[in-house]
Amino acid sequence: MKTRKSRGPIWSPCSQKSMLAERDLQIALDKCRIHIAYQERRIAELKKTSAGQTNTVIHGASAAIQHGLNRTLTDIAERERELQEFKRKGKSLVEQIAALSLTPKQAAERRRLQSSLASLAQERFRQDEAINATMGKLFGLLGCRARKSAQMAEIAAKLEFAPDVDLDGSRYVALTSVLFQDALAQSREWLNWFLGQEKEKQEHVIGETWVVIPETLASSGVFRPRESVMLTKRQAASLPSAETQAHPMSPAEAEASVLPPKPQQADDFPIQGFPVRGLTS
């Protein structure tokens, strides 16, 4: 009977650096899509307006109506040009996001390096265990020396030595104070965290904003809005509270956040590398 090969550890498929780059590109893409949706809606509205103006002109109208139709057609042409610019920008952003994905060869190399890093961390922990054992022996020797020094002081007092006699009892006191008996526990806690092997993880749903926590081999530490993730109590405590997270934008707020307020007596101003008109027009 064949035994199923156990699955190895699952490391983070991408780095925090690339995830942060994706976050910035995605935010820009979301804003670009707001522009596109707005311009498409305005163009549809203007075309409906122009149809009515055209019908009025056909049946005879004043020069003012003809002038209004010309302005509407110019506005449509200008917005269609801007729409194409936004679509090109959006396509570029999508391509940049896609370029962040690793090729199979790059992914394999990343896993190899992650495995090497994990092995080194585990080997270092074994050295920490040896150091801890040596420290335990040294701590015992220092305790034995301290007891000998106390006995010497007791006898010296009976011999009527001066209270401040130098019995060399404090030579290793400073060394005793720096030997932490919980050093190995701290090393084990760090190793479990870095390898993503902490116990008692719980499911948490990220709020309305991107969240960044320290990166480990198991996780990039970058979480998307409303993403469901498994976190320890300590990690969950570091997440922004619901009160501090920005509330979800309404469509009107999202549109207003993309462009600055439209200047008075001006219909065009530069934004994202090319001139566009305000969303409030």
C-alpha atoms as a PDB file:
ATOM      1  CA  MET A   1       0.000   0.000   0.000  1.00  0.00           C
ATOM      2  CA  LYS A   2       1.397   3.348  -1.034  1.00  0.00           C
ATOM      3  CA  THR A   3       1.669   6.044   1.600  1.00  0.00           C
ATOM      4  CA  ARG A   4       0.686   9.569   0.666  1.00  0.00           C
ATOM      5  CA  LYS A   5       3.581  11.981   0.789  1.00  0.00           C
ATOM      6  CA  SER A   6       3.024  14.598   3.469  1.00  0.00           C
ATOM      7  CA  ARG A   7       2.541  18.111   2.197  1.00  0.00           C
ATOM      8  CA  GLY A   8       5.363  20.486   3.011  1.00  0.00           C
ATOM      9  CA  PRO A   9       4.982  23.894   4.609  1.00  0.00           C
ATOM     10  CA  ILE A  10       3.098  26.537   2.660  1.00  0.00           C
ATOM     11  CA  TRP A  11       5.114  29.722   2.382  1.00  0.00           C
ATOM     12  CA  SER A  12       3.878  33.142   1.333  1.00  0.00           C
ATOM     13  CA  PRO A  13       3.567  33.199  -2.488  1.00  0.00           C
ATOM     14  CA  CYS A  14       4.616  36.859  -2.712  1.00  0.00           C
ATOM     15  CA  SER A  15       6.561  39.429  -0.748  1.00  0.00           C
ATOM     16  CA  GLN A  16       5.201  42.333   1.237  1.00  0.00           C
ATOM     17  CA  LYS A  17       6.998  44.678  -1.163  1.00  0.00           C
ATOM     18  CA  SER A  18       5.115  43.305  -4.185  1.00  0.00           C
ATOM     19  CA  MET A  19       1.823  43.258  -2.276  1.00  0.00           C
ATOM     20  CA  LEU A  20       2.228  46.919  -1.329  1.00  0.00           C
ATOM     21  CA  ALA A  21       3.000  47.732  -4.958  1.00  0.00           C
ATOM     22  CA  GLU A  22      -0.157  45.857  -5.997  1.00  0.00           C
ATOM     23  CA  ARG A  23      -2.156  47.761  -3.375  1.00  0.00           C
ATOM     24  CA  ASP A  24      -1.048  51.142  -4.735  1.00  0.00           C
ATOM     25  CA  LEU A  25      -1.742  50.087  -8.326  1.00  0.00           C
ATOM     26  CA  GLN A  26      -5.151  48.686  -7.389  1.00  0.00           C
ATOM     27  CA  ILE A  27      -6.146  51.911  -5.637  1.00  0.00           C
ATOM     28  CA  ALA A  28      -5.114  53.869  -8.748  1.00  0.00           C
ATOM     29  CA  LEU A  29      -7.037  51.423 -10.940  1.00  0.00           C
ATOM     30  CA  ASP A  30     -10.172  51.777  -8.810  1.00  0.00           C
ATOM     31  CA  LYS A  31     -10.027  55.562  -9.185  1.00  0.00           C
ATOM     32  CA  CYS A  32      -9.445  55.231 -12.922  1.00  0.00           C
ATOM     33  CA  ARG A  33     -12.528  53.020 -13.213  1.00  0.00           C
ATOM     34  CA  ILE A  34     -14.553  55.662 -11.377  1.00  0.00           C
ATOM     35  CA  HIS A  35     -13.412  58.173 -13.997  1.00  0.00           C
ATOM     36  CA  ILE A  36     -14.394  55.802 -16.801  1.00  0.00           C
ATOM     37  CA  ALA A  37     -17.845  55.103 -15.365  1.00  0.00           C
ATOM     38  CA  TYR A  38     -18.467  58.793 -14.797  1.00  0.00           C
ATOM     39  CA  GLN A  39     -17.386  59.846 -18.289  1.00  0.00           C
ATOM     40  CA  GLU A  40     -19.450  57.104 -19.908  1.00  0.00           C
ATOM     41  CA  ARG A  41     -22.499  58.227 -17.967  1.00  0.00           C
ATOM     42  CA  ARG A  42     -21.963  61.893 -18.835  1.00  0.00           C
ATOM     43  CA  ILE A  43     -21.399  61.094 -22.520  1.00  0.00           C
ATOM     44  CA  ALA A  44     -24.669  59.149 -22.600  1.00  0.00           C
ATOM     45  CA  GLU A  45     -26.470  62.091 -20.970  1.00  0.00           C
ATOM     46  CA  LEU A  46     -24.901  64.603 -23.361  1.00  0.00           C
ATOM     47  CA  LYS A  47     -25.791  62.497 -26.396  1.00  0.00           C
ATOM     48  CA  LYS A  48     -29.385  62.453 -25.227  1.00  0.00           C
ATOM     49  CA  THR A  49     -29.237  66.233 -24.855  1.00  0.00           C
ATOM     50  CA  SER A  50     -27.681  66.679 -28.283  1.00  0.00           C
ATOM     51  CA  ALA A  51     -30.401  64.541 -29.868  1.00  0.00           C
ATOM     52  CA  GLY A  52     -33.047  66.895 -28.481  1.00  0.00           C
ATOM     53  CA  GLN A  53     -31.077  69.968 -29.549  1.00  0.00           C
ATOM     54  CA  THR A  54     -30.583  68.522 -33.045  1.00  0.00           C
ATOM     55  CA  ASN A  55     -34.298  67.895 -33.411  1.00  0.00           C
ATOM     56  CA  THR A  56     -35.016  71.497 -32.368  1.00  0.00           C
ATOM     57  CA  VAL A  57     -32.479  72.890 -34.852  1.00  0.00           C
ATOM     58  CA  ILE A  58     -33.933  70.804 -37.682  1.00  0.00           C
ATOM     59  CA  HIS A  59     -37.322  72.342 -37.116  1.00  0.00           C
ATOM     60  CA  GLY A  60     -35.857  75.811 -36.979  1.00  0.00           C
ATOM     61  CA  ALA A  61     -34.341  77.407 -33.895  1.00  0.00           C
ATOM     62  CA  SER A  62     -32.510  80.479 -32.746  1.00  0.00           C
ATOM     63  CA  ALA A  63     -28.766  80.967 -33.020  1.00  0.00           C
ATOM     64  CA  ALA A  64     -28.558  80.354 -29.259  1.00  0.00           C
ATOM     65  CA  ILE A  65     -29.936  76.819 -29.671  1.00  0.00           C
ATOM     66  CA  GLN A  66     -27.496  76.155 -32.529  1.00  0.00           C
ATOM     67  CA  HIS A  67     -24.662  77.468 -30.343  1.00  0.00           C
ATOM     68  CA  GLY A  68     -25.788  75.217 -27.488  1.00  0.00           C
ATOM     69  CA  LEU A  69     -25.775  72.189 -29.799  1.00  0.00           C
ATOM     70  CA  ASN A  70     -22.266  72.996 -30.964  1.00  0.00           C
ATOM     71  CA  ARG A  71     -21.067  73.259 -27.355  1.00  0.00           C
ATOM     72  CA  THR A  72     -22.726  69.947 -26.494  1.00  0.00           C
ATOM     73  CA  LEU A  73     -21.077  68.189 -29.459  1.00  0.00           C
ATOM     74  CA  THR A  74     -17.706  69.690 -28.529  1.00  0.00           C
ATOM     75  CA  ASP A  75     -18.200  68.536 -24.960  1.00  0.00           C
ATOM     76  CA  ILE A  76     -19.016  65.014 -26.134  1.00  0.00           C
ATOM     77  CA  ALA A  77     -15.914  64.861 -28.340  1.00  0.00           C
ATOM     78  CA  GLU A  78     -13.712  66.150 -25.516  1.00  0.00           C
ATOM     79  CA  ARG A  79     -15.128  63.683 -23.000  1.00  0.00           C
ATOM     80  CA  GLU A  80     -14.719  60.792 -25.444  1.00  0.00           C
ATOM     81  CA  ARG A  81     -11.063  61.749 -25.828  1.00  0.00           C
ATOM     82  CA  GLU A  82     -10.681  61.821 -22.048  1.00  0.00           C
ATOM     83  CA  LEU A  83     -12.499  58.479 -21.775  1.00  0.00           C
ATOM     84  CA  GLN A  84      -9.985  56.859 -24.124  1.00  0.00           C
ATOM     85  CA  GLU A  85      -7.126  58.315 -22.049  1.00  0.00           C
ATOM     86  CA  PHE A  86      -8.601  56.795 -18.895  1.00  0.00           C
ATOM     87  CA  LYS A  87      -9.109  53.449 -20.617  1.00  0.00           C
ATOM     88  CA  ARG A  88      -5.484  53.423 -21.768  1.00  0.00           C
ATOM     89  CA  LYS A  89      -4.401  54.326 -18.249  1.00  0.00           C
ATOM     90  CA  GLY A  90      -6.584  51.569 -16.800  1.00  0.00           C
ATOM     91  CA  LYS A  91      -5.168  49.014 -19.237  1.00  0.00           C
ATOM     92  CA  SER A  92      -1.635  50.040 -18.255  1.00  0.00           C
ATOM     93  CA  LEU A  93      -2.456  49.627 -14.552  1.00  0.00           C
ATOM     94  CA  VAL A  94      -3.942  46.167 -15.156  1.00  0.00           C
ATOM     95  CA  GLU A  95      -0.782  45.164 -17.026  1.00  0.00           C
ATOM     96  CA  GLN A  96       1.416  46.473 -14.200  1.00  0.00           C
ATOM     97  CA  ILE A  97      -0.562  44.458 -11.654  1.00  0.00           C
ATOM     98  CA  ALA A  98      -0.275  41.333 -13.802  1.00  0.00           C
ATOM     99  CA  ALA A  99       3.494  41.890 -14.137  1.00  0.00           C
ATOM    100  CA  LEU A 100       3.847  41.526 -10.366  1.00  0.00           C
ATOM    101  CA  SER A 101       2.852  37.850 -10.590  1.00  0.00           C
ATOM    102  CA  LEU A 102       5.816  35.487 -10.475  1.00  0.00           C
ATOM    103  CA  THR A 103       6.582  33.129 -13.336  1.00  0.00           C
ATOM    104  CA  PRO A 104       6.671  29.407 -12.447  1.00  0.00           C
ATOM    105  CA  LYS A 105      10.475  29.610 -12.453  1.00  0.00           C
ATOM    106  CA  GLN A 106      10.498  32.651 -10.175  1.00  0.00           C
ATOM    107  CA  ALA A 107       7.948  31.031  -7.852  1.00  0.00           C
ATOM    108  CA  ALA A 108      10.076  27.879  -7.603  1.00  0.00           C
ATOM    109  CA  GLU A 109      13.175  29.949  -6.790  1.00  0.00           C
ATOM    110  CA  ARG A 110      11.232  31.867  -4.148  1.00  0.00           C
ATOM    111  CA  ARG A 111      10.117  28.610  -2.498  1.00  0.00           C
ATOM    112  CA  ARG A 112      13.704  27.329  -2.578  1.00  0.00           C
ATOM    113  CA  LEU A 113      15.003  30.458  -0.857  1.00  0.00           C
ATOM    114  CA  GLN A 114      12.163  30.365   1.662  1.00  0.00           C
ATOM    115  CA  SER A 115      12.987  26.755   2.510  1.00  0.00           C
ATOM    116  CA  SER A 116      16.645  27.686   2.955  1.00  0.00           C
ATOM    117  CA  LEU A 117      15.720  30.562   5.245  1.00  0.00           C
ATOM    118  CA  ALA A 118      13.404  28.301   7.277  1.00  0.00           C
ATOM    119  CA  SER A 119      16.136  25.657   7.617  1.00  0.00           C
ATOM    120  CA  LEU A 120      18.634  28.233   8.835  1.00  0.00           C
ATOM    121  CA  ALA A 121      16.119  29.559  11.365  1.00  0.00           C
ATOM    122  CA  GLN A 122      15.484  26.026  12.664  1.00  0.00           C
ATOM    123  CA  GLU A 123      19.223  25.262  12.835  1.00  0.00           C
ATOM    124  CA  ARG A 124      19.805  28.490  14.730  1.00  0.00           C
ATOM    125  CA  PHE A 125      17.087  27.518  17.207  1.00  0.00           C
ATOM    126  CA  ARG A 126      18.916  24.254  17.872  1.00  0.00           C
ATOM    127  CA  GLN A 127      21.974  26.356  18.639  1.00  0.00           C
ATOM    128  CA  ASP A 128      19.803  28.475  20.913  1.00  0.00           C
ATOM    129  CA  GLU A 129      18.925  25.252  22.755  1.00  0.00           C
ATOM    130  CA  ALA A 130      22.636  24.477  23.184  1.00  0.00           C
ATOM    131  CA  ILE A 131      23.292  28.038  24.339  1.00  0.00           C
ATOM    132  CA  ASN A 132      20.403  27.768  26.787  1.00  0.00           C
ATOM    133  CA  ALA A 133      21.806  24.516  28.204  1.00  0.00           C
ATOM    134  CA  THR A 134      25.238  26.110  28.593  1.00  0.00           C
ATOM    135  CA  MET A 135      23.655  29.169  30.187  1.00  0.00           C
ATOM    136  CA  GLY A 136      21.815  26.883  32.616  1.00  0.00           C
ATOM    137  CA  LYS A 137      25.082  25.302  33.683  1.00  0.00           C
ATOM    138  CA  LEU A 138      26.736  28.701  33.962  1.00  0.00           C
ATOM    139  CA  PHE A 139      23.779  30.023  35.951  1.00  0.00           C
ATOM    140  CA  GLY A 140      24.158  27.072  38.331  1.00  0.00           C
ATOM    141  CA  LEU A 141      27.894  27.753  38.729  1.00  0.00           C
ATOM    142  CA  LEU A 142      27.216  31.425  39.413  1.00  0.00           C
ATOM    143  CA  GLY A 143      24.654  30.475  42.054  1.00  0.00           C
ATOM    144  CA  CYS A 144      27.136  28.121  43.677  1.00  0.00           C
ATOM    145  CA  ARG A 145      29.765  30.880  43.717  1.00  0.00           C
ATOM    146  CA  ALA A 146      27.272  33.304  45.290  1.00  0.00           C
ATOM    147  CA  ARG A 147      26.541  30.810  48.083  1.00  0.00           C
ATOM    148  CA  LYS A 148      30.288  30.331  48.711  1.00  0.00           C
ATOM    149  CA  SER A 149      30.712  34.100  48.880  1.00  0.00           C
ATOM    150  CA  ALA A 150      27.875  34.335  51.437  1.00  0.00           C
ATOM    151  CA  GLN A 151      29.475  31.624  53.565  1.00  0.00           C
ATOM    152  CA  MET A 152      32.818  33.417  53.376  1.00  0.00           C
ATOM    153  CA  ALA A 153      31.189  36.668  54.512  1.00  0.00           C
ATOM    154  CA  GLU A 154      29.563  34.884  57.459  1.00  0.00           C
ATOM    155  CA  ILE A 155      32.858  33.421  58.642  1.00  0.00           C
ATOM    156  CA  ALA A 156      34.718  36.685  58.027  1.00  0.00           C
ATOM    157  CA  ALA A 157      32.232  38.451  60.299  1.00  0.00           C
ATOM    158  CA  LYS A 158      32.928  35.947  63.060  1.00  0.00           C
ATOM    159  CA  LEU A 159      36.638  36.668  62.585  1.00  0.00           C
ATOM    160  CA  GLU A 160      35.799  40.354  63.094  1.00  0.00           C
ATOM    161  CA  PHE A 161      36.808  41.436  59.624  1.00  0.00           C
ATOM    162  CA  ALA A 162      35.598  44.902  58.712  1.00  0.00           C
ATOM    163  CA  PRO A 163      32.086  44.883  57.173  1.00  0.00           C
ATOM    164  CA  ASP A 164      33.473  46.315  53.909  1.00  0.00           C
ATOM    165  CA  VAL A 165      36.231  43.736  53.553  1.00  0.00           C
ATOM    166  CA  ASP A 166      36.858  42.781  49.913  1.00  0.00           C
ATOM    167  CA  LEU A 167      35.957  39.118  49.560  1.00  0.00           C
ATOM    168  CA  ASP A 168      35.568  39.369  45.756  1.00  0.00           C
ATOM    169  CA  GLY A 169      31.918  38.351  46.009  1.00  0.00           C
ATOM    170  CA  SER A 170      30.497  40.693  43.393  1.00  0.00           C
ATOM    171  CA  ARG A 171      32.746  39.892  40.449  1.00  0.00           C
ATOM    172  CA  TYR A 172      30.074  37.990  38.458  1.00  0.00           C
ATOM    173  CA  VAL A 173      26.942  39.730  39.719  1.00  0.00           C
ATOM    174  CA  ALA A 174      26.628  41.713  36.457  1.00  0.00           C
ATOM    175  CA  LEU A 175      26.902  38.498  34.437  1.00  0.00           C
ATOM    176  CA  THR A 176      24.156  36.880  36.512  1.00  0.00           C
ATOM    177  CA  SER A 177      21.812  39.788  35.793  1.00  0.00           C
ATOM    178  CA  VAL A 178      22.101  39.412  32.008  1.00  0.00           C
ATOM    179  CA  LEU A 179      21.415  35.672  31.876  1.00  0.00           C
ATOM    180  CA  PHE A 180      17.728  35.468  31.020  1.00  0.00           C
ATOM    181  CA  GLN A 181      16.278  32.088  31.851  1.00  0.00           C
ATOM    182  CA  ASP A 182      13.390  32.620  29.409  1.00  0.00           C
ATOM    183  CA  ALA A 183      15.635  33.277  26.396  1.00  0.00           C
ATOM    184  CA  LEU A 184      14.848  29.876  24.846  1.00  0.00           C
ATOM    185  CA  ALA A 185      11.110  30.407  25.242  1.00  0.00           C
ATOM    186  CA  GLN A 186      11.457  33.730  23.412  1.00  0.00           C
ATOM    187  CA  SER A 187      13.476  32.040  20.639  1.00  0.00           C
ATOM    188  CA  ARG A 188      10.824  29.331  20.260  1.00  0.00           C
ATOM    189  CA  GLU A 189       8.041  31.922  20.158  1.00  0.00           C
ATOM    190  CA  TRP A 190       9.874  33.879  17.442  1.00  0.00           C
ATOM    191  CA  LEU A 191      10.517  30.737  15.365  1.00  0.00           C
ATOM    192  CA  ASN A 192       6.860  29.676  15.504  1.00  0.00           C
ATOM    193  CA  TRP A 193       5.814  33.197  14.479  1.00  0.00           C
ATOM    194  CA  PHE A 194       8.306  33.422  11.593  1.00  0.00           C
ATOM    195  CA  LEU A 195       7.308  29.993  10.250  1.00  0.00           C
ATOM    196  CA  GLY A 196       3.595  30.668  10.730  1.00  0.00           C
ATOM    197  CA  GLN A 197       3.258  27.817  13.229  1.00  0.00           C
ATOM    198  CA  GLU A 198       1.584  29.674  16.083  1.00  0.00           C
ATOM    199  CA  LYS A 199      -1.217  27.843  17.859  1.00  0.00           C
ATOM    200  CA  GLU A 200      -4.754  29.029  18.522  1.00  0.00           C
ATOM    201  CA  LYS A 201      -5.256  31.135  15.412  1.00  0.00           C
ATOM    202  CA  GLN A 202      -8.731  32.499  14.807  1.00  0.00           C
ATOM    203  CA  GLU A 203     -10.531  33.742  11.708  1.00  0.00           C
ATOM    204  CA  HIS A 204     -10.775  37.503  11.342  1.00  0.00           C
ATOM    205  CA  VAL A 205     -12.363  39.573   8.583  1.00  0.00           C
ATOM    206  CA  ILE A 206     -10.411  42.675   7.572  1.00  0.00           C
ATOM    207  CA  GLY A 207     -12.376  45.920   7.606  1.00  0.00           C
ATOM    208  CA  GLU A 208     -12.736  48.486   4.852  1.00  0.00           C
ATOM    209  CA  THR A 209      -9.043  49.422   4.552  1.00  0.00           C
ATOM    210  CA  TRP A 210      -5.875  47.604   3.543  1.00  0.00           C
ATOM    211  CA  VAL A 211      -3.983  46.278   6.591  1.00  0.00           C
ATOM    212  CA  VAL A 212      -0.228  45.754   6.901  1.00  0.00           C
ATOM    213  CA  ILE A 213       1.409  43.743   9.697  1.00  0.00           C
ATOM    214  CA  PRO A 214       4.998  42.392   9.948  1.00  0.00           C
ATOM    215  CA  GLU A 215       5.953  39.973   7.174  1.00  0.00           C
ATOM    216  CA  THR A 216       6.847  36.326   7.867  1.00  0.00           C
ATOM    217  CA  LEU A 217       7.727  33.308   5.749  1.00  0.00           C
ATOM    218  CA  ALA A 218       4.091  32.219   5.939  1.00  0.00           C
ATOM    219  CA  SER A 219       2.457  35.561   5.132  1.00  0.00           C
ATOM    220  CA  SER A 220       3.265  38.780   3.315  1.00  0.00           C
ATOM    221  CA  GLY A 221       1.401  40.589   6.095  1.00  0.00           C
ATOM    222  CA  VAL A 222      -0.677  42.619   3.603  1.00  0.00           C
ATOM    223  CA  PHE A 223      -4.428  41.990   3.698  1.00  0.00           C
ATOM    224  CA  ARG A 224      -7.096  43.327   1.373  1.00  0.00           C
ATOM    225  CA  PRO A 225     -10.327  44.962   2.560  1.00  0.00           C
ATOM    226  CA  ARG A 226     -12.950  42.395   3.671  1.00  0.00           C
ATOM    227  CA  GLU A 227     -10.451  39.527   3.307  1.00  0.00           C
ATOM    228  CA  SER A 228     -10.865  36.600   5.727  1.00  0.00           C
ATOM    229  CA  VAL A 229      -7.558  35.668   7.414  1.00  0.00           C
ATOM    230  CA  MET A 230      -6.321  33.477  10.262  1.00  0.00           C
ATOM    231  CA  LEU A 231      -4.552  35.486  12.976  1.00  0.00           C
ATOM    232  CA  THR A 232      -3.330  35.047  16.539  1.00  0.00           C
ATOM    233  CA  LYS A 233      -4.853  37.140  19.315  1.00  0.00           C
ATOM    234  CA  ARG A 234      -1.761  39.361  19.320  1.00  0.00           C
ATOM    235  CA  GLN A 235      -1.952  39.945  15.566  1.00  0.00           C
ATOM    236  CA  ALA A 236      -5.676  40.603  15.718  1.00  0.00           C
ATOM    237  CA  ALA A 237      -5.124  43.144  18.501  1.00  0.00           C
ATOM    238  CA  SER A 238      -2.799  45.091  16.177  1.00  0.00           C
ATOM    239  CA  LEU A 239      -5.502  45.538  13.518  1.00  0.00           C
ATOM    240  CA  PRO A 240      -7.200  48.939  13.207  1.00  0.00           C
ATOM    241  CA  SER A 241     -10.430  49.069  15.157  1.00  0.00           C
ATOM    242  CA  ALA A 242     -13.761  49.540  13.416  1.00  0.00           C
ATOM    243  CA  GLU A 243     -13.894  53.060  14.826  1.00  0.00           C
ATOM    244  CA  THR A 244     -10.581  54.083  13.277  1.00  0.00           C
ATOM    245  CA  GLN A 245     -11.219  52.596   9.842  1.00  0.00           C
ATOM    246  CA  ALA A 246     -12.552  54.875   7.142  1.00  0.00           C
ATOM    247  CA  HIS A 247     -16.200  54.260   6.310  1.00  0.00           C
ATOM    248  CA  PRO A 248     -16.966  52.890   2.834  1.00  0.00           C
ATOM    249  CA  MET A 249     -17.299  55.660   0.255  1.00  0.00           C
ATOM    250  CA  SER A 250     -20.595  56.309  -1.443  1.00  0.00           C
ATOM    251  CA  PRO A 251     -20.458  56.616  -5.260  1.00  0.00           C
ATOM    252  CA  ALA A 252     -20.675  60.402  -4.961  1.00  0.00           C
ATOM    253  CA  GLU A 253     -17.850  60.500  -2.387  1.00  0.00           C
ATOM    254  CA  ALA A 254     -15.725  58.202  -4.538  1.00  0.00           C
ATOM    255  CA  GLU A 255     -16.182  60.438  -7.579  1.00  0.00           C
ATOM    256  CA  ALA A 256     -15.429  63.550  -5.540  1.00  0.00           C
ATOM    257  CA  SER A 257     -12.255  61.962  -4.131  1.00  0.00           C
ATOM    258  CA  VAL A 258     -10.812  61.357  -7.586  1.00  0.00           C
ATOM    259  CA  LEU A 259     -10.603  64.938  -8.783  1.00  0.00           C
ATOM    260  CA  PRO A 260     -10.121  68.259  -6.990  1.00  0.00           C
ATOM    261  CA  PRO A 261     -13.062  70.682  -6.958  1.00  0.00           C
ATOM    262  CA  LYS A 262     -13.683  72.278 -10.319  1.00  0.00           C
ATOM    263  CA  PRO A 263     -12.234  75.823 -10.411  1.00  0.00           C
ATOM    264  CA  GLN A 264     -14.675  78.630 -11.096  1.00  0.00           C
ATOM    265  CA  GLN A 265     -14.789  79.796 -14.717  1.00  0.00           C
ATOM    266  CA  ALA A 266     -12.594  76.897 -15.785  1.00  0.00           C
ATOM    267  CA  ASP A 267     -13.682  73.659 -17.382  1.00  0.00           C
ATOM    268  CA  ASP A 268     -10.343  71.863 -17.727  1.00  0.00           C
ATOM    269  CA  PHE A 269      -7.411  71.230 -15.406  1.00  0.00           C
ATOM    270  CA  PRO A 270      -4.549  68.657 -15.343  1.00  0.00           C
ATOM    271  CA  ILE A 271      -4.990  65.357 -13.544  1.00  0.00           C
ATOM    272  CA  GLN A 272      -2.887  62.164 -13.705  1.00  0.00           C
ATOM    273  CA  GLY A 273      -0.765  63.411 -16.570  1.00  0.00           C
ATOM    274  CA  PHE A 274      -3.428  64.743 -18.953  1.00  0.00           C
ATOM    275  CA  PRO A 275      -6.146  67.418 -18.868  1.00  0.00           C
ATOM    276  CA  VAL A 276      -9.666  66.385 -17.908  1.00  0.00           C
ATOM    277  CA  ARG A 277     -12.790  68.226 -16.910  1.00  0.00           C
ATOM    278  CA  GLY A 278     -14.226  68.155 -13.409  1.00  0.00           C
ATOM    279  CA  LEU A 279     -16.667  65.507 -12.356  1.00  0.00           C
ATOM    280  CA  THR A 280     -18.972  68.196 -11.048  1.00  0.00           C
ATOM    281  CA  SER A 281     -19.568  69.727 -14.477  1.00  0.00           C
END
